[in-house]
Amino acid sequence: MGIDYAWEKFHSEIRFALASTASLQERLGSVISGVCHLQRDNFADEHVWAKFRKLINETTKREAHNEAEQTFHTATSHLSDEKAKECLRDAVDIFSDIAIAYGKTEFSI
């Protein structure tokens, strides 16, 4: 799976968040749940990967019984409205970076 998969996942989650009437924290939690499984090869460069990892670290908690069973759980309900807005803006910025890179790969000659 490559950048096209990251574009697809972010696109659907951002669209949902924009149209939802749920709280900011719930919308953010949905976005994070939909994209937290993405891996390094889903991103075009280290800069965007680092921004993504930072967002994931700020909005999830990890639980593991052992290394192989590590799972992510969204931890957005405790965030203030301002922090949730900031994280949603960061998610949109990451999606924008992904869209630009995806466009370059799809339309390169």
Protein backbone atom coordinates (compact mmCIF):
# COMPACT_ATOMS: atom_id res chain seq x y z
CA MET A 1 0.00 0.00 0.00
CA GLY A 2 1.35 3.39 -0.92
CA ILE A 3 0.45 7.02 -0.91
CA ASP A 4 -2.77 6.32 -2.83
CA TYR A 5 -4.02 4.35 0.17
CA ALA A 6 -3.14 7.18 2.57
CA TRP A 7 -4.96 9.63 0.31
CA GLU A 8 -8.05 7.40 0.25
CA LYS A 9 -8.13 6.95 4.05
CA PHE A 10 -7.52 10.63 4.88
CA HIS A 11 -10.00 11.78 2.23
CA SER A 12 -12.87 9.73 3.60
CA GLU A 13 -12.12 10.60 7.23
CA ILE A 14 -11.73 14.34 6.59
CA ARG A 15 -14.99 14.39 4.58
CA PHE A 16 -16.81 12.73 7.47
CA ALA A 17 -15.32 15.13 10.01
CA LEU A 18 -16.35 18.16 7.97
CA ALA A 19 -19.97 17.06 7.61
CA SER A 20 -20.47 15.60 11.07
CA THR A 21 -22.37 17.35 13.84
CA ALA A 22 -20.49 15.35 16.50
CA SER A 23 -18.23 17.14 18.96
CA LEU A 24 -14.77 18.20 17.86
CA GLN A 25 -13.30 15.48 20.03
CA GLU A 26 -15.52 12.80 18.47
CA ARG A 27 -14.74 13.96 14.94
CA LEU A 28 -11.03 13.96 15.70
CA GLY A 29 -11.32 10.50 17.24
CA SER A 30 -12.98 9.22 14.09
CA VAL A 31 -10.26 10.67 11.87
CA ILE A 32 -7.53 9.17 14.02
CA SER A 33 -9.23 5.78 14.18
CA GLY A 34 -9.43 5.73 10.40
CA VAL A 35 -5.78 6.58 9.75
CA CYS A 36 -3.75 5.42 12.77
CA HIS A 37 -2.81 2.15 11.06
CA LEU A 38 -0.95 3.88 8.21
CA GLN A 39 2.75 3.08 7.91
CA ARG A 40 5.84 4.91 6.68
CA ASP A 41 5.48 3.59 3.10
CA ASN A 42 2.11 5.38 2.87
CA PHE A 43 3.87 8.75 2.98
CA ALA A 44 6.03 10.40 0.33
CA ASP A 45 8.66 11.80 2.65
CA GLU A 46 10.00 11.90 6.19
CA HIS A 47 8.62 15.38 6.91
CA VAL A 48 4.99 14.36 6.40
CA TRP A 49 5.59 11.04 8.18
CA ALA A 50 6.96 12.98 11.20
CA LYS A 51 3.91 15.28 11.23
CA PHE A 52 1.65 12.23 11.09
CA ARG A 53 3.48 10.46 13.93
CA LYS A 54 3.25 13.60 16.07
CA LEU A 55 -0.51 13.78 15.49
CA ILE A 56 -0.94 10.10 16.32
CA ASN A 57 1.15 10.46 19.49
CA GLU A 58 -0.97 13.41 20.65
CA THR A 59 -4.29 11.69 20.05
CA THR A 60 -3.83 8.03 20.93
CA LYS A 61 -2.68 5.81 23.69
CA ARG A 62 -1.02 2.49 23.13
CA GLU A 63 -1.89 -0.69 24.91
CA ALA A 64 0.06 -3.88 24.51
CA HIS A 65 0.20 -7.23 26.16
CA ASN A 66 3.41 -7.79 24.23
CA GLU A 67 5.20 -6.22 21.23
CA ALA A 68 3.15 -8.17 18.68
CA GLU A 69 -0.21 -7.20 20.18
CA GLN A 70 0.27 -3.44 20.39
CA THR A 71 -2.97 -1.61 19.60
CA PHE A 72 -3.93 2.03 19.36
CA HIS A 73 -6.93 3.59 21.04
CA THR A 74 -8.02 7.12 20.40
CA ALA A 75 -7.66 9.37 23.40
CA THR A 76 -9.41 12.51 22.24
CA SER A 77 -12.29 12.90 24.69
CA HIS A 78 -10.08 14.66 27.25
CA LEU A 79 -8.82 17.28 24.78
CA SER A 80 -10.03 20.85 25.00
CA ASP A 81 -11.95 22.26 22.06
CA GLU A 82 -8.91 24.35 21.11
CA LYS A 83 -6.56 21.34 21.15
CA ALA A 84 -9.05 19.25 19.17
CA LYS A 85 -9.32 22.06 16.57
CA GLU A 86 -5.53 22.26 16.36
CA CYS A 87 -5.28 18.50 15.81
CA LEU A 88 -8.02 18.57 13.17
CA ARG A 89 -6.18 21.39 11.39
CA ASP A 90 -3.01 19.30 11.54
CA ALA A 91 -4.89 16.35 10.02
CA VAL A 92 -6.11 18.55 7.16
CA ASP A 93 -2.57 19.84 6.61
CA ILE A 94 -1.26 16.27 6.47
CA PHE A 95 -4.01 15.37 4.02
CA SER A 96 -3.00 18.36 1.90
CA ASP A 97 0.62 17.18 1.87
CA ILE A 98 -0.51 13.68 0.90
CA ALA A 99 -2.76 15.04 -1.87
CA ILE A 100 0.08 17.06 -3.37
CA ALA A 101 2.43 14.07 -3.35
CA TYR A 102 -0.29 11.78 -4.69
CA GLY A 103 -1.00 14.21 -7.52
CA LYS A 104 2.67 14.27 -8.45
CA THR A 105 2.79 10.47 -8.66
CA GLU A 106 -0.48 10.14 -10.57
CA PHE A 107 0.16 12.86 -13.09
CA SER A 108 3.91 12.68 -13.63
CA ILE A 109 4.98 12.23 -17.20
